[in-house]
Protein backbone atom coordinates (compact mmCIF):
# COMPACT_ATOMS: atom_id res chain seq x y z
CA MET A 1 -1.73 -28.55 -16.66
CA SER A 2 -1.03 -28.29 -12.95
CA THR A 3 0.32 -25.55 -10.72
CA THR A 4 4.11 -25.79 -10.48
CA LEU A 5 6.91 -24.13 -8.55
CA ASP A 6 10.11 -24.05 -10.62
CA GLY A 7 8.56 -26.68 -12.90
CA LYS A 8 7.77 -29.11 -10.08
CA ALA A 9 4.13 -30.05 -9.30
CA LEU A 10 4.13 -29.63 -5.51
CA PHE A 11 0.52 -28.54 -4.97
CA ASP A 12 -2.90 -30.13 -5.32
CA GLU A 13 -5.35 -28.17 -7.45
CA GLN A 14 -8.45 -28.74 -5.35
CA GLY A 15 -9.05 -25.79 -3.02
CA LEU A 16 -6.04 -23.85 -4.34
CA THR A 17 -6.47 -20.08 -4.17
CA ILE A 18 -4.08 -17.26 -5.02
CA ARG A 19 -4.51 -13.66 -3.84
CA VAL A 20 -2.29 -11.16 -5.61
CA GLY A 21 -1.58 -7.87 -3.86
CA ALA A 22 -0.85 -4.51 -5.44
CA TRP A 23 2.65 -3.45 -6.42
CA ARG A 24 4.34 -1.14 -3.92
CA ARG A 25 6.38 1.77 -5.14
CA ALA A 26 9.38 3.42 -3.55
CA VAL A 27 9.59 7.20 -3.28
CA VAL A 28 11.95 9.73 -1.78
CA GLU A 29 10.41 12.92 -0.43
CA ARG A 30 12.49 15.93 0.53
CA ALA A 31 11.60 19.36 1.78
CA VAL A 32 13.20 22.15 -0.21
CA SER A 33 13.98 25.51 1.32
CA GLY A 34 11.74 28.24 -0.06
CA LEU A 35 9.05 25.84 -1.35
CA ASP A 36 5.72 25.12 0.25
CA GLY A 37 5.52 21.30 0.23
CA VAL A 38 7.98 18.58 -0.74
CA VAL A 39 9.77 17.26 -3.78
CA SER A 40 8.75 13.67 -4.44
CA ILE A 41 10.95 11.38 -6.53
CA ASP A 42 9.38 8.13 -7.74
CA LEU A 43 11.92 5.29 -7.52
CA GLY A 44 9.68 2.78 -9.27
CA ARG A 45 7.96 -0.50 -8.59
CA ARG A 46 9.46 -2.62 -5.83
CA ASP A 47 7.46 -5.65 -4.68
CA ARG A 48 4.05 -7.13 -3.97
CA GLU A 49 2.67 -9.84 -1.75
CA ILE A 50 1.11 -13.01 -3.14
CA ARG A 51 -0.74 -15.43 -0.83
CA GLN A 52 -1.40 -19.04 -1.76
CA GLN A 53 -3.75 -21.26 0.22
CA GLY A 54 -4.67 -24.85 -0.40
CA ILE A 55 -4.79 -28.41 0.83
CA LEU A 56 -2.08 -31.01 0.40
CA ARG A 57 -3.14 -34.67 0.27
CA ALA A 58 -1.08 -37.83 0.56
CA ALA A 59 -1.66 -41.55 1.06
CA SER A 60 0.15 -41.64 4.42
CA GLN A 61 1.52 -39.37 7.13
CA ALA A 62 5.07 -40.16 5.96
CA ALA A 63 4.26 -39.18 2.35
CA LEU A 64 2.63 -35.95 3.55
CA GLN A 65 5.64 -35.12 5.71
CA SER A 66 7.90 -35.68 2.71
CA ARG A 67 5.86 -33.15 0.67
CA LEU A 68 5.99 -30.60 3.48
CA VAL A 69 9.77 -30.92 3.80
CA GLU A 70 10.17 -30.52 0.03
CA ILE A 71 8.10 -27.32 0.00
CA GLU A 72 9.96 -25.95 3.05
CA GLY A 73 13.19 -26.45 1.09
CA TYR A 74 12.11 -23.70 -1.31
CA ALA A 75 11.97 -21.13 1.52
CA GLY A 76 15.72 -20.50 1.61
CA GLY A 77 15.68 -16.97 0.20
CA ALA A 78 16.18 -17.81 -3.48
CA THR A 79 13.63 -16.66 -6.06
CA HIS A 80 11.25 -19.01 -7.85
CA THR A 81 8.67 -19.13 -10.63
CA LEU A 82 5.06 -20.12 -9.91
CA ARG A 83 3.02 -21.25 -12.92
CA MET A 84 -0.70 -21.61 -12.35
CA SER A 85 -2.94 -24.13 -14.09
CA ASP A 86 -4.99 -21.21 -15.50
CA GLY A 87 -1.92 -19.92 -17.39
CA ARG A 88 -0.81 -17.13 -15.04
CA THR A 89 2.92 -17.00 -14.28
CA PHE A 90 4.55 -15.22 -11.36
CA GLU A 91 8.34 -14.86 -11.55
CA ASN A 92 10.89 -13.59 -9.04
CA LEU A 93 9.03 -15.00 -6.03
CA ARG A 94 10.65 -15.38 -2.64
CA ILE A 95 8.87 -17.57 -0.09
CA ASP A 96 8.63 -15.60 3.13
CA VAL A 97 6.21 -17.86 5.04
CA PHE A 98 5.17 -21.49 4.64
CA GLU A 99 2.60 -22.31 7.28
CA PRO A 100 1.06 -25.80 7.47
CA ARG A 101 -2.26 -25.94 9.29
CA GLU A 102 -4.12 -28.80 11.02
CA THR A 103 -3.73 -32.33 9.70
CA ASP A 104 -6.96 -34.15 8.84
CA ILE A 105 -7.09 -37.92 8.46
CA SER A 106 -10.00 -38.62 6.16
CA GLY A 107 -10.84 -41.62 4.05
CA PRO A 108 -7.86 -43.41 2.58
CA GLY A 109 -5.32 -40.64 3.18
CA VAL A 110 -4.09 -37.62 5.07
CA ALA A 111 -4.66 -33.95 4.23
CA ILE A 112 -3.32 -30.67 5.58
CA GLY A 113 -4.22 -27.06 4.87
CA TYR A 114 -1.42 -24.60 4.24
CA GLU A 115 -0.65 -20.99 3.40
CA ILE A 116 2.38 -19.67 1.56
CA VAL A 117 3.22 -15.96 1.54
CA TYR A 118 5.45 -14.93 -1.35
CA THR A 119 7.07 -11.60 -2.04
CA GLN A 120 7.30 -10.94 -5.76
CA LEU A 121 10.36 -8.79 -6.25
CA GLY A 122 9.98 -6.03 -8.79
CA SER A 123 12.50 -3.86 -10.46
CA PRO A 124 12.60 -0.11 -11.05
CA MET A 125 10.64 0.85 -14.15
């Protein structure tokens, strides 16, 4: 099983890492006359950041560019589902940043490092 985004295998498994941040919560705090302190209302879970880093490999510069363009196409603001090869699934992901790094021509192909920053949108509990 490979890592997929919306069911499409876009990423190479070698060197793939995922860092999952903590959920953020929304609160409203108001001062109330006659009370020492504030009233805090918990509005529930909102979002968390997920960072993906890895290396994309292709047989040629043109093939690598095609993969990069395809991944960039997912960064349009819609939400996606990321399924990891280890069985973890992250739903409701919005791609906020897709950052290709330096290209490395090695052996019979071309490789490039990348980082993707997702925001996983939560809902009030």
